[in-house]
Amino acid sequence: MGRAPAAGVTPDYWDEACRHLSKRDRVMKKLIPQFGEARLQSKGDAFTTLARSIVGQQISVKAAQSVWDKFCALMSGPSHKVPPQAVLALTVELQRGAGLSARKVEYLRDLAESFEAGRVHVKQWTQMDDEAIIDELVAIRGIGRWTAEMFLIFHLMRPNVMPLDDLGLLKGISQNYFSGEPVSRAEAREVGEAWAPYRSVATWYIWRSLDPLPVDY
């Protein structure tokens, strides 16, 4: 599987994936050159990335950043690195004061306890397949399959993830492959068969086709 990428590193399979997708798929052949040198990059550590995803659930990107900054200020550490033990040391009252809902406070505690207790096997992830990692992550309260798949794409940089619960992906497939007609998950999955083994890369370009800004996770 290879090792987990360092922060700010583009996966080494990216250029090969672009060549493969351009050969196999007429839409990708058109989309990929439109975004020049833009690349997916991993940043942050596993715990911080997942904590941020919990904080950002069901609120705007701007609101999520504000709450995240206040949350990090409680621990007086850098916002790109939050240790699980620091989260466990916070009182509920302090976290609520930073703008977190009672449920998110519970979710963050569960996440921190899962990391501290070794219920997630971060060091083994490089040897584990995608579904095994998803199973570990969705066992944590507040993390569903979509969040786990985003984590696989953006943090672990797994090359062949296709998040069929992602509305942006379905919308992009509709616009690029079906002239704007609504698409089912089954139809989307069929389109993705031509993208294997680089479905994460194709998904990223589909997202870019909807919005010139890269998806931020």
Protein backbone atom coordinates (compact mmCIF):
# COMPACT_ATOMS: atom_id res chain seq x y z
CA MET A 1 0.00 0.00 0.00
CA GLY A 2 2.98 2.36 0.54
CA ARG A 3 3.48 4.70 3.45
CA ALA A 4 1.18 7.55 4.47
CA PRO A 5 2.14 10.80 2.71
CA ALA A 6 3.78 13.67 4.54
CA ALA A 7 1.80 16.89 4.86
CA GLY A 8 1.76 18.98 1.70
CA VAL A 9 2.84 16.07 -0.51
CA THR A 10 1.12 15.15 -3.76
CA PRO A 11 0.71 11.39 -4.26
CA ASP A 12 3.33 9.82 -6.51
CA TYR A 13 0.68 8.09 -8.64
CA TRP A 14 -0.96 11.36 -9.76
CA ASP A 15 0.64 11.81 -13.19
CA GLU A 16 0.24 8.13 -14.06
CA ALA A 17 -3.43 8.36 -12.97
CA CYS A 18 -3.98 11.36 -15.25
CA ARG A 19 -2.49 9.51 -18.22
CA HIS A 20 -4.59 6.41 -17.47
CA LEU A 21 -7.84 8.38 -17.07
CA SER A 22 -7.23 10.44 -20.21
CA LYS A 23 -6.83 7.24 -22.22
CA ARG A 24 -9.83 5.46 -20.75
CA ASP A 25 -12.42 8.23 -20.49
CA ARG A 26 -13.42 10.98 -22.95
CA VAL A 27 -14.66 13.34 -20.19
CA MET A 28 -11.44 13.00 -18.18
CA LYS A 29 -9.40 13.62 -21.34
CA LYS A 30 -11.19 16.99 -21.58
CA LEU A 31 -11.29 17.88 -17.85
CA ILE A 32 -7.75 17.10 -16.72
CA PRO A 33 -5.94 19.65 -18.94
CA GLN A 34 -8.33 22.40 -17.76
CA PHE A 35 -6.83 22.41 -14.28
CA GLY A 36 -3.16 22.61 -15.23
CA GLU A 37 -0.80 21.88 -12.40
CA ALA A 38 -3.44 21.72 -9.64
CA ARG A 39 -2.89 18.70 -7.38
CA LEU A 40 -4.39 17.04 -4.35
CA GLN A 41 -2.26 17.58 -1.23
CA SER A 42 -2.42 15.96 2.18
CA LYS A 43 -2.06 18.10 5.31
CA GLY A 44 -2.35 17.65 9.06
CA ASP A 45 -2.22 14.47 11.12
CA ALA A 46 -4.95 11.82 11.29
CA PHE A 47 -6.53 12.84 14.60
CA THR A 48 -6.60 16.56 13.77
CA THR A 49 -8.09 15.91 10.32
CA LEU A 50 -10.91 13.79 11.76
CA ALA A 51 -11.55 16.25 14.61
CA ARG A 52 -11.90 19.07 12.09
CA SER A 53 -14.37 17.03 10.07
CA ILE A 54 -16.54 16.54 13.18
CA VAL A 55 -16.39 20.25 14.07
CA GLY A 56 -17.44 21.17 10.52
CA GLN A 57 -20.50 18.92 10.29
CA GLN A 58 -23.75 20.66 9.31
CA ILE A 59 -22.35 24.20 9.50
CA SER A 60 -20.84 26.51 6.88
CA VAL A 61 -17.13 26.46 6.09
CA LYS A 62 -16.78 29.96 7.59
CA ALA A 63 -18.59 29.00 10.82
CA ALA A 64 -16.54 25.79 11.05
CA GLN A 65 -13.27 27.72 10.80
CA SER A 66 -14.38 30.14 13.53
CA VAL A 67 -15.37 27.31 15.91
CA TRP A 68 -12.17 25.38 15.10
CA ASP A 69 -9.98 28.40 15.87
CA LYS A 70 -11.72 28.91 19.24
CA PHE A 71 -11.47 25.19 20.00
CA CYS A 72 -7.72 25.17 19.26
CA ALA A 73 -7.23 28.30 21.38
CA LEU A 74 -8.52 26.33 24.40
CA MET A 75 -5.45 24.09 24.06
CA SER A 76 -3.10 26.96 23.15
CA GLY A 77 -1.50 24.86 20.44
CA PRO A 78 -1.23 25.23 16.64
CA SER A 79 -4.47 24.64 14.74
CA HIS A 80 -2.82 22.07 12.45
CA LYS A 81 -1.91 19.71 15.32
CA VAL A 82 -4.37 18.82 18.09
CA PRO A 83 -3.34 15.96 20.43
CA PRO A 84 -6.08 13.56 21.64
CA GLN A 85 -4.94 13.91 25.27
CA ALA A 86 -5.42 17.70 25.11
CA VAL A 87 -9.03 17.20 23.97
CA LEU A 88 -9.68 14.73 26.80
CA ALA A 89 -8.40 17.31 29.30
CA LEU A 90 -10.99 19.92 28.25
CA THR A 91 -14.22 20.37 30.21
CA VAL A 92 -17.57 20.20 28.46
CA GLU A 93 -18.23 23.82 29.50
CA LEU A 94 -15.08 25.10 27.82
CA GLN A 95 -15.89 23.29 24.59
CA ARG A 96 -19.49 24.50 24.57
CA GLY A 97 -18.12 28.02 25.11
CA ALA A 98 -16.10 27.65 21.90
CA GLY A 99 -19.33 27.06 19.98
CA LEU A 100 -19.48 23.26 19.91
CA SER A 101 -22.83 21.53 20.31
CA ALA A 102 -23.25 19.00 23.13
CA ARG A 103 -23.27 16.21 20.55
CA LYS A 104 -20.03 17.36 18.89
CA VAL A 105 -18.37 17.54 22.33
CA GLU A 106 -19.34 13.88 22.84
CA TYR A 107 -18.13 12.94 19.35
CA LEU A 108 -14.74 14.63 19.86
CA ARG A 109 -14.31 12.85 23.19
CA ASP A 110 -15.14 9.50 21.59
CA LEU A 111 -12.65 10.22 18.80
CA ALA A 112 -9.91 11.14 21.30
CA GLU A 113 -10.61 8.05 23.42
CA SER A 114 -10.49 5.83 20.32
CA PHE A 115 -7.03 7.17 19.43
CA GLU A 116 -5.71 7.06 23.01
CA ALA A 117 -6.99 3.52 23.60
CA GLY A 118 -5.56 2.24 20.31
CA ARG A 119 -8.96 1.32 18.85
CA VAL A 120 -7.77 2.83 15.58
CA HIS A 121 -4.59 1.26 14.23
CA VAL A 122 -2.96 4.27 12.59
CA LYS A 123 0.45 2.59 12.20
CA GLN A 124 -1.15 -0.41 10.47
CA TRP A 125 -3.25 1.60 8.03
CA THR A 126 -0.63 1.42 5.30
CA GLN A 127 -1.05 -2.37 5.28
CA MET A 128 -4.87 -2.31 5.53
CA ASP A 129 -7.30 -2.08 2.63
CA ASP A 130 -9.76 0.78 2.25
CA GLU A 131 -12.82 -1.03 3.62
CA ALA A 132 -10.97 -2.20 6.74
CA ILE A 133 -9.99 1.41 7.54
CA ILE A 134 -13.54 2.62 6.87
CA ASP A 135 -14.84 -0.04 9.29
CA GLU A 136 -12.51 1.26 12.03
CA LEU A 137 -13.49 4.87 11.46
CA VAL A 138 -17.27 4.44 11.28
CA ALA A 139 -17.15 2.63 14.63
CA ILE A 140 -16.35 6.06 16.13
CA ARG A 141 -19.42 8.16 16.96
CA GLY A 142 -19.84 11.11 14.62
CA ILE A 143 -17.95 9.54 11.70
CA GLY A 144 -20.02 8.14 8.86
CA ARG A 145 -18.97 6.48 5.64
CA TRP A 146 -18.74 9.78 3.71
CA THR A 147 -16.36 11.29 6.30
CA ALA A 148 -14.28 8.11 6.27
CA GLU A 149 -14.07 8.17 2.46
CA MET A 150 -13.05 11.85 2.46
CA PHE A 151 -10.34 10.91 4.96
CA LEU A 152 -9.10 8.12 2.67
CA ILE A 153 -8.93 10.50 -0.30
CA PHE A 154 -7.57 13.65 1.34
CA HIS A 155 -5.45 12.33 4.19
CA LEU A 156 -4.34 8.80 3.30
CA MET A 157 -4.46 9.63 -0.43
CA ARG A 158 -5.84 6.25 -1.40
CA PRO A 159 -6.09 6.21 -5.20
CA ASN A 160 -9.29 4.25 -5.84
CA VAL A 161 -12.03 5.65 -3.57
CA MET A 162 -15.40 6.61 -5.05
CA PRO A 163 -17.66 8.34 -2.49
CA LEU A 164 -21.11 7.53 -3.88
CA ASP A 165 -22.81 9.41 -1.01
CA ASP A 166 -21.19 12.65 -2.14
CA LEU A 167 -23.76 14.98 -3.71
CA GLY A 168 -21.07 16.95 -5.54
CA LEU A 169 -19.76 13.81 -7.23
CA LEU A 170 -23.27 12.78 -8.36
CA LYS A 171 -23.98 16.33 -9.59
CA GLY A 172 -20.68 16.43 -11.49
CA ILE A 173 -21.30 13.05 -13.13
CA SER A 174 -24.79 14.24 -14.08
CA GLN A 175 -23.41 17.38 -15.72
CA ASN A 176 -20.39 15.81 -17.42
CA TYR A 177 -21.81 12.45 -18.53
CA PHE A 178 -25.62 12.73 -18.60
CA SER A 179 -26.31 16.26 -19.93
CA GLY A 180 -27.60 17.35 -16.52
CA GLU A 181 -30.09 14.49 -16.10
CA PRO A 182 -30.23 13.14 -12.51
CA VAL A 183 -28.09 10.02 -11.97
CA SER A 184 -28.52 7.10 -9.61
CA ARG A 185 -25.74 5.68 -7.50
CA ALA A 186 -25.75 2.62 -9.78
CA GLU A 187 -25.23 4.79 -12.88
CA ALA A 188 -22.46 6.72 -11.11
CA ARG A 189 -20.78 3.47 -10.07
CA GLU A 190 -20.88 2.32 -13.70
CA VAL A 191 -19.15 5.52 -14.87
CA GLY A 192 -16.54 4.94 -12.15
CA GLU A 193 -15.70 1.46 -13.43
CA ALA A 194 -13.75 3.08 -16.28
CA TRP A 195 -11.82 5.18 -13.74
CA ALA A 196 -10.40 2.25 -11.74
CA PRO A 197 -7.82 1.95 -10.26
CA TYR A 198 -7.72 5.77 -9.92
CA ARG A 199 -11.28 6.64 -8.93
CA SER A 200 -10.10 9.11 -6.25
CA VAL A 201 -8.27 11.16 -8.87
CA ALA A 202 -11.24 11.16 -11.26
CA THR A 203 -13.54 12.17 -8.38
CA TRP A 204 -11.22 15.08 -7.59
CA TYR A 205 -11.40 16.32 -11.19
CA ILE A 206 -15.19 15.99 -11.19
CA TRP A 207 -15.28 18.19 -8.08
CA ARG A 208 -12.99 20.70 -9.78
CA SER A 209 -15.33 20.82 -12.78
CA LEU A 210 -18.09 22.10 -10.45
CA ASP A 211 -15.99 24.65 -8.63
CA PRO A 212 -12.64 26.18 -9.60
CA LEU A 213 -11.55 26.05 -5.94
CA PRO A 214 -10.14 22.74 -4.72
CA VAL A 215 -12.27 20.80 -2.31
CA ASP A 216 -10.93 21.57 1.17
CA TYR A 217 -11.21 18.91 3.81
